């Protein structure tokens, strides 16, 4: 009896870190390389990182149709896309939530008239590779080296009138002026990505 209890405790202690690691992937950080990836957009087009070598950076923002932390950013990200896409920066919104269907994402994007591409990360493959856990959460990637340049939040408040630091904009401005990004990592906040069980 005691032997069985000890065995159970040992198994629990051994398996817990594995399960925790699966549910809480370690995010890629600035300087880390990532693998090439391709995602389907809600328009049926394919979006591949290695096809973006003419871009100065690819911004991946993990998005949600429902998260109350994402919705206040709709106009801000649309404005950023309209501004930075003209300067050679690609901005992709990626939905990795298994609780939000392709039809949900299509309807949401149409309703909000998003100018930026909306991609569906089926089975959260890209979210797992990058270690993304939140919506919204940002990874800025150099498409020529597949290196993460910035990871974190869009800015420091979901309320636009309370923003004191525009972290993503600052990082993109540094890239465009050829500077090293001053602040490469910030603490993201938002809803958890609803992953598929693997």
C-alpha atoms as a PDB file:
ATOM      1  CA  UNK A   1       0.000   0.000   0.000  1.00  0.00           C
ATOM      2  CA  UNK A   2       2.731   2.463   1.031  1.00  0.00           C
ATOM      3  CA  UNK A   3       4.813   1.394  -1.943  1.00  0.00           C
ATOM      4  CA  UNK A   4       1.904   2.117  -4.328  1.00  0.00           C
ATOM      5  CA  UNK A   5       1.323   5.525  -2.758  1.00  0.00           C
ATOM      6  CA  UNK A   6       4.994   6.428  -3.126  1.00  0.00           C
ATOM      7  CA  UNK A   7       4.944   5.315  -6.758  1.00  0.00           C
ATOM      8  CA  UNK A   8       1.874   7.474  -7.437  1.00  0.00           C
ATOM      9  CA  UNK A   9       3.503  10.520  -5.833  1.00  0.00           C
ATOM     10  CA  UNK A  10       6.695  10.012  -7.833  1.00  0.00           C
ATOM     11  CA  UNK A  11       4.725   9.710 -11.091  1.00  0.00           C
ATOM     12  CA  UNK A  12       2.772  12.887 -10.324  1.00  0.00           C
ATOM     13  CA  UNK A  13       5.940  14.817  -9.558  1.00  0.00           C
ATOM     14  CA  UNK A  14       7.583  13.512 -12.706  1.00  0.00           C
ATOM     15  CA  UNK A  15       4.673  14.226 -15.066  1.00  0.00           C
ATOM     16  CA  UNK A  16       3.605  17.611 -13.691  1.00  0.00           C
ATOM     17  CA  UNK A  17       6.492  19.609 -15.224  1.00  0.00           C
ATOM     18  CA  UNK A  18       5.857  17.957 -18.593  1.00  0.00           C
ATOM     19  CA  UNK A  19       2.171  18.852 -18.559  1.00  0.00           C
ATOM     20  CA  UNK A  20       2.974  22.367 -17.352  1.00  0.00           C
ATOM     21  CA  UNK A  21       5.524  22.837 -20.118  1.00  0.00           C
ATOM     22  CA  UNK A  22       2.990  21.703 -22.729  1.00  0.00           C
ATOM     23  CA  UNK A  23       0.362  24.135 -21.449  1.00  0.00           C
ATOM     24  CA  UNK A  24       2.845  26.967 -20.897  1.00  0.00           C
ATOM     25  CA  UNK A  25       5.372  26.936 -23.749  1.00  0.00           C
ATOM     26  CA  UNK A  26       8.510  29.030 -23.367  1.00  0.00           C
ATOM     27  CA  UNK A  27       8.251  31.981 -25.748  1.00  0.00           C
ATOM     28  CA  UNK A  28      10.895  32.696 -28.346  1.00  0.00           C
ATOM     29  CA  UNK A  29      12.888  35.737 -27.352  1.00  0.00           C
ATOM     30  CA  UNK A  30      14.773  38.357 -29.348  1.00  0.00           C
ATOM     31  CA  UNK A  31      17.800  36.728 -30.931  1.00  0.00           C
ATOM     32  CA  UNK A  32      16.120  33.303 -31.198  1.00  0.00           C
ATOM     33  CA  UNK A  33      15.718  31.739 -34.640  1.00  0.00           C
ATOM     34  CA  UNK A  34      12.453  30.190 -35.728  1.00  0.00           C
ATOM     35  CA  UNK A  35      11.506  27.731 -38.464  1.00  0.00           C
ATOM     36  CA  UNK A  36       9.869  28.883 -41.658  1.00  0.00           C
ATOM     37  CA  UNK A  37       6.073  28.636 -41.541  1.00  0.00           C
ATOM     38  CA  UNK A  38       3.032  28.888 -43.777  1.00  0.00           C
ATOM     39  CA  UNK A  39      -0.481  29.753 -42.647  1.00  0.00           C
ATOM     40  CA  UNK A  40      -3.695  30.073 -44.599  1.00  0.00           C
ATOM     41  CA  UNK A  41      -5.428  33.406 -44.575  1.00  0.00           C
ATOM     42  CA  UNK A  42      -9.185  33.686 -44.245  1.00  0.00           C
ATOM     43  CA  UNK A  43      -9.126  34.815 -47.891  1.00  0.00           C
ATOM     44  CA  UNK A  44      -7.727  31.413 -48.905  1.00  0.00           C
ATOM     45  CA  UNK A  45      -4.243  32.761 -49.659  1.00  0.00           C
ATOM     46  CA  UNK A  46      -1.089  31.230 -48.189  1.00  0.00           C
ATOM     47  CA  UNK A  47       1.229  33.370 -46.084  1.00  0.00           C
ATOM     48  CA  UNK A  48       4.810  32.098 -45.816  1.00  0.00           C
ATOM     49  CA  UNK A  49       7.565  33.774 -43.817  1.00  0.00           C
ATOM     50  CA  UNK A  50      10.283  32.949 -46.363  1.00  0.00           C
ATOM     51  CA  UNK A  51       8.256  34.688 -49.089  1.00  0.00           C
ATOM     52  CA  UNK A  52       8.592  37.982 -47.210  1.00  0.00           C
ATOM     53  CA  UNK A  53      12.317  38.596 -47.697  1.00  0.00           C
ATOM     54  CA  UNK A  54      11.638  41.935 -49.345  1.00  0.00           C
ATOM     55  CA  UNK A  55       9.951  43.128 -46.134  1.00  0.00           C
ATOM     56  CA  UNK A  56      11.952  44.838 -43.407  1.00  0.00           C
ATOM     57  CA  UNK A  57      10.073  42.866 -40.751  1.00  0.00           C
ATOM     58  CA  UNK A  58       7.049  40.628 -40.290  1.00  0.00           C
ATOM     59  CA  UNK A  59       4.845  41.432 -37.310  1.00  0.00           C
ATOM     60  CA  UNK A  60       2.812  38.488 -35.993  1.00  0.00           C
ATOM     61  CA  UNK A  61       0.041  39.511 -33.596  1.00  0.00           C
ATOM     62  CA  UNK A  62      -1.943  36.709 -31.966  1.00  0.00           C
ATOM     63  CA  UNK A  63      -5.574  37.757 -32.211  1.00  0.00           C
ATOM     64  CA  UNK A  64      -9.020  36.780 -30.984  1.00  0.00           C
ATOM     65  CA  UNK A  65     -12.580  37.458 -32.073  1.00  0.00           C
ATOM     66  CA  UNK A  66     -13.766  37.548 -28.457  1.00  0.00           C
ATOM     67  CA  UNK A  67     -10.977  38.508 -26.053  1.00  0.00           C
ATOM     68  CA  UNK A  68     -11.809  41.826 -24.321  1.00  0.00           C
ATOM     69  CA  UNK A  69      -8.122  42.706 -24.337  1.00  0.00           C
ATOM     70  CA  UNK A  70      -7.949  42.420 -28.132  1.00  0.00           C
ATOM     71  CA  UNK A  71     -11.049  44.390 -29.123  1.00  0.00           C
ATOM     72  CA  UNK A  72      -9.763  47.825 -27.998  1.00  0.00           C
ATOM     73  CA  UNK A  73      -6.767  47.348 -30.327  1.00  0.00           C
ATOM     74  CA  UNK A  74      -8.781  46.948 -33.532  1.00  0.00           C
ATOM     75  CA  UNK A  75      -8.418  50.570 -34.658  1.00  0.00           C
ATOM     76  CA  UNK A  76      -4.862  50.936 -33.376  1.00  0.00           C
ATOM     77  CA  UNK A  77      -3.603  47.909 -35.272  1.00  0.00           C
ATOM     78  CA  UNK A  78      -5.551  48.910 -38.398  1.00  0.00           C
ATOM     79  CA  UNK A  79      -3.899  52.345 -38.271  1.00  0.00           C
ATOM     80  CA  UNK A  80      -0.491  50.776 -37.726  1.00  0.00           C
ATOM     81  CA  UNK A  81      -1.018  48.502 -40.725  1.00  0.00           C
ATOM     82  CA  UNK A  82      -2.044  51.429 -42.932  1.00  0.00           C
ATOM     83  CA  UNK A  83       1.049  53.350 -41.847  1.00  0.00           C
ATOM     84  CA  UNK A  84       3.777  50.714 -41.641  1.00  0.00           C
ATOM     85  CA  UNK A  85       2.779  48.505 -44.576  1.00  0.00           C
ATOM     86  CA  UNK A  86       3.709  51.431 -46.846  1.00  0.00           C
ATOM     87  CA  UNK A  87       7.170  51.389 -45.289  1.00  0.00           C
ATOM     88  CA  UNK A  88       7.935  47.716 -45.883  1.00  0.00           C
ATOM     89  CA  UNK A  89       6.618  46.230 -42.640  1.00  0.00           C
ATOM     90  CA  UNK A  90       4.188  43.287 -42.924  1.00  0.00           C
ATOM     91  CA  UNK A  91       1.576  42.911 -40.184  1.00  0.00           C
ATOM     92  CA  UNK A  92      -0.296  39.607 -39.839  1.00  0.00           C
ATOM     93  CA  UNK A  93      -2.995  38.912 -37.260  1.00  0.00           C
ATOM     94  CA  UNK A  94      -3.047  35.218 -36.317  1.00  0.00           C
ATOM     95  CA  UNK A  95      -5.957  33.434 -34.670  1.00  0.00           C
ATOM     96  CA  UNK A  96      -4.792  30.278 -32.865  1.00  0.00           C
ATOM     97  CA  UNK A  97      -7.830  29.720 -30.645  1.00  0.00           C
ATOM     98  CA  UNK A  98      -9.431  26.315 -31.186  1.00  0.00           C
ATOM     99  CA  UNK A  99     -12.667  27.772 -29.736  1.00  0.00           C
ATOM    100  CA  UNK A 100     -12.973  30.203 -32.668  1.00  0.00           C
ATOM    101  CA  UNK A 101     -13.802  28.620 -36.027  1.00  0.00           C
ATOM    102  CA  UNK A 102     -12.650  29.819 -39.430  1.00  0.00           C
ATOM    103  CA  UNK A 103     -16.203  31.056 -40.032  1.00  0.00           C
ATOM    104  CA  UNK A 104     -16.071  33.020 -36.753  1.00  0.00           C
ATOM    105  CA  UNK A 105     -12.793  34.640 -37.764  1.00  0.00           C
ATOM    106  CA  UNK A 106     -14.054  35.468 -41.262  1.00  0.00           C
ATOM    107  CA  UNK A 107     -17.206  37.058 -39.893  1.00  0.00           C
ATOM    108  CA  UNK A 108     -15.254  39.031 -37.292  1.00  0.00           C
ATOM    109  CA  UNK A 109     -12.763  40.353 -39.843  1.00  0.00           C
ATOM    110  CA  UNK A 110     -15.512  41.326 -42.279  1.00  0.00           C
ATOM    111  CA  UNK A 111     -17.542  43.044 -39.563  1.00  0.00           C
ATOM    112  CA  UNK A 112     -14.544  45.108 -38.481  1.00  0.00           C
ATOM    113  CA  UNK A 113     -13.287  45.738 -42.022  1.00  0.00           C
ATOM    114  CA  UNK A 114      -9.701  44.843 -41.138  1.00  0.00           C
ATOM    115  CA  UNK A 115      -7.140  46.055 -43.680  1.00  0.00           C
ATOM    116  CA  UNK A 116      -4.491  43.615 -42.406  1.00  0.00           C
ATOM    117  CA  UNK A 117      -4.384  39.886 -43.280  1.00  0.00           C
ATOM    118  CA  UNK A 118      -6.083  37.572 -40.812  1.00  0.00           C
ATOM    119  CA  UNK A 119      -4.585  34.076 -40.653  1.00  0.00           C
ATOM    120  CA  UNK A 120      -5.845  30.902 -38.977  1.00  0.00           C
ATOM    121  CA  UNK A 121      -3.297  28.870 -37.001  1.00  0.00           C
ATOM    122  CA  UNK A 122      -4.986  25.470 -37.112  1.00  0.00           C
ATOM    123  CA  UNK A 123      -3.960  23.249 -34.167  1.00  0.00           C
ATOM    124  CA  UNK A 124      -1.937  26.210 -32.812  1.00  0.00           C
ATOM    125  CA  UNK A 125       1.187  25.048 -34.671  1.00  0.00           C
ATOM    126  CA  UNK A 126       2.713  28.534 -34.964  1.00  0.00           C
ATOM    127  CA  UNK A 127       1.644  29.485 -31.437  1.00  0.00           C
ATOM    128  CA  UNK A 128       3.473  26.404 -30.171  1.00  0.00           C
ATOM    129  CA  UNK A 129       6.587  27.148 -32.213  1.00  0.00           C
ATOM    130  CA  UNK A 130       6.760  30.733 -30.956  1.00  0.00           C
ATOM    131  CA  UNK A 131       5.590  29.865 -27.459  1.00  0.00           C
ATOM    132  CA  UNK A 132       2.750  32.376 -27.649  1.00  0.00           C
ATOM    133  CA  UNK A 133       0.303  32.252 -24.745  1.00  0.00           C
ATOM    134  CA  UNK A 134      -1.810  35.422 -24.985  1.00  0.00           C
ATOM    135  CA  UNK A 135      -4.011  37.524 -27.220  1.00  0.00           C
ATOM    136  CA  UNK A 136      -2.813  40.030 -28.119  1.00  0.00           C
ATOM    137  CA  UNK A 137       0.856  38.992 -28.135  1.00  0.00           C
ATOM    138  CA  UNK A 138       3.423  40.242 -30.617  1.00  0.00           C
ATOM    139  CA  UNK A 139       6.465  38.722 -32.290  1.00  0.00           C
ATOM    140  CA  UNK A 140       8.447  40.840 -34.761  1.00  0.00           C
ATOM    141  CA  UNK A 141      10.534  38.639 -37.041  1.00  0.00           C
ATOM    142  CA  UNK A 142      13.328  39.355 -39.527  1.00  0.00           C
ATOM    143  CA  UNK A 143      12.209  37.370 -42.612  1.00  0.00           C
ATOM    144  CA  UNK A 144      15.767  37.196 -43.967  1.00  0.00           C
ATOM    145  CA  UNK A 145      17.280  35.506 -40.927  1.00  0.00           C
ATOM    146  CA  UNK A 146      14.138  34.099 -39.235  1.00  0.00           C
ATOM    147  CA  UNK A 147      15.303  35.789 -36.036  1.00  0.00           C
ATOM    148  CA  UNK A 148      12.893  37.266 -33.497  1.00  0.00           C
ATOM    149  CA  UNK A 149      13.568  40.994 -33.114  1.00  0.00           C
ATOM    150  CA  UNK A 150      10.886  41.959 -30.587  1.00  0.00           C
ATOM    151  CA  UNK A 151       8.491  40.055 -28.332  1.00  0.00           C
ATOM    152  CA  UNK A 152       5.775  41.373 -26.050  1.00  0.00           C
ATOM    153  CA  UNK A 153       2.846  43.760 -26.101  1.00  0.00           C
ATOM    154  CA  UNK A 154       1.506  46.335 -28.551  1.00  0.00           C
ATOM    155  CA  UNK A 155       1.598  49.086 -25.924  1.00  0.00           C
ATOM    156  CA  UNK A 156       1.095  49.431 -22.186  1.00  0.00           C
ATOM    157  CA  UNK A 157      -2.688  49.923 -21.939  1.00  0.00           C
ATOM    158  CA  UNK A 158      -5.722  48.488 -23.654  1.00  0.00           C
ATOM    159  CA  UNK A 159      -7.326  51.910 -23.156  1.00  0.00           C
ATOM    160  CA  UNK A 160      -5.953  54.111 -25.930  1.00  0.00           C
ATOM    161  CA  UNK A 161      -6.133  57.320 -23.899  1.00  0.00           C
ATOM    162  CA  UNK A 162      -4.023  55.765 -21.130  1.00  0.00           C
ATOM    163  CA  UNK A 163      -1.111  54.586 -23.287  1.00  0.00           C
ATOM    164  CA  UNK A 164       2.218  55.957 -22.057  1.00  0.00           C
ATOM    165  CA  UNK A 165       4.568  53.836 -24.164  1.00  0.00           C
ATOM    166  CA  UNK A 166       3.911  52.515 -27.677  1.00  0.00           C
ATOM    167  CA  UNK A 167       6.307  49.585 -27.487  1.00  0.00           C
ATOM    168  CA  UNK A 168       5.598  47.953 -30.852  1.00  0.00           C
ATOM    169  CA  UNK A 169       5.650  51.255 -32.723  1.00  0.00           C
ATOM    170  CA  UNK A 170       8.927  52.170 -31.057  1.00  0.00           C
ATOM    171  CA  UNK A 171      10.454  48.843 -32.114  1.00  0.00           C
ATOM    172  CA  UNK A 172       9.266  49.267 -35.705  1.00  0.00           C
ATOM    173  CA  UNK A 173      10.562  52.837 -35.847  1.00  0.00           C
ATOM    174  CA  UNK A 174      13.966  51.607 -34.677  1.00  0.00           C
ATOM    175  CA  UNK A 175      13.965  48.968 -37.426  1.00  0.00           C
ATOM    176  CA  UNK A 176      13.023  51.508 -40.097  1.00  0.00           C
ATOM    177  CA  UNK A 177      15.793  53.898 -39.041  1.00  0.00           C
ATOM    178  CA  UNK A 178      18.367  51.119 -38.942  1.00  0.00           C
ATOM    179  CA  UNK A 179      18.856  51.289 -35.178  1.00  0.00           C
ATOM    180  CA  UNK A 180      19.119  48.407 -32.771  1.00  0.00           C
ATOM    181  CA  UNK A 181      15.738  48.058 -31.056  1.00  0.00           C
ATOM    182  CA  UNK A 182      16.010  49.875 -27.732  1.00  0.00           C
ATOM    183  CA  UNK A 183      13.424  47.765 -25.876  1.00  0.00           C
ATOM    184  CA  UNK A 184      13.258  44.264 -27.349  1.00  0.00           C
ATOM    185  CA  UNK A 185      11.087  42.551 -24.749  1.00  0.00           C
ATOM    186  CA  UNK A 186       7.998  43.732 -22.892  1.00  0.00           C
ATOM    187  CA  UNK A 187       5.463  41.957 -20.688  1.00  0.00           C
ATOM    188  CA  UNK A 188       2.431  40.923 -22.710  1.00  0.00           C
ATOM    189  CA  UNK A 189      -1.067  40.833 -21.244  1.00  0.00           C
ATOM    190  CA  UNK A 190      -4.425  39.524 -22.404  1.00  0.00           C
ATOM    191  CA  UNK A 191      -6.494  36.367 -22.700  1.00  0.00           C
ATOM    192  CA  UNK A 192      -4.936  32.923 -22.869  1.00  0.00           C
ATOM    193  CA  UNK A 193      -4.752  31.162 -26.237  1.00  0.00           C
ATOM    194  CA  UNK A 194      -7.239  28.285 -26.250  1.00  0.00           C
ATOM    195  CA  UNK A 195      -5.106  25.396 -27.481  1.00  0.00           C
ATOM    196  CA  UNK A 196      -6.042  21.995 -28.878  1.00  0.00           C
ATOM    197  CA  UNK A 197      -5.113  19.044 -26.731  1.00  0.00           C
ATOM    198  CA  UNK A 198      -2.076  17.208 -28.105  1.00  0.00           C
END
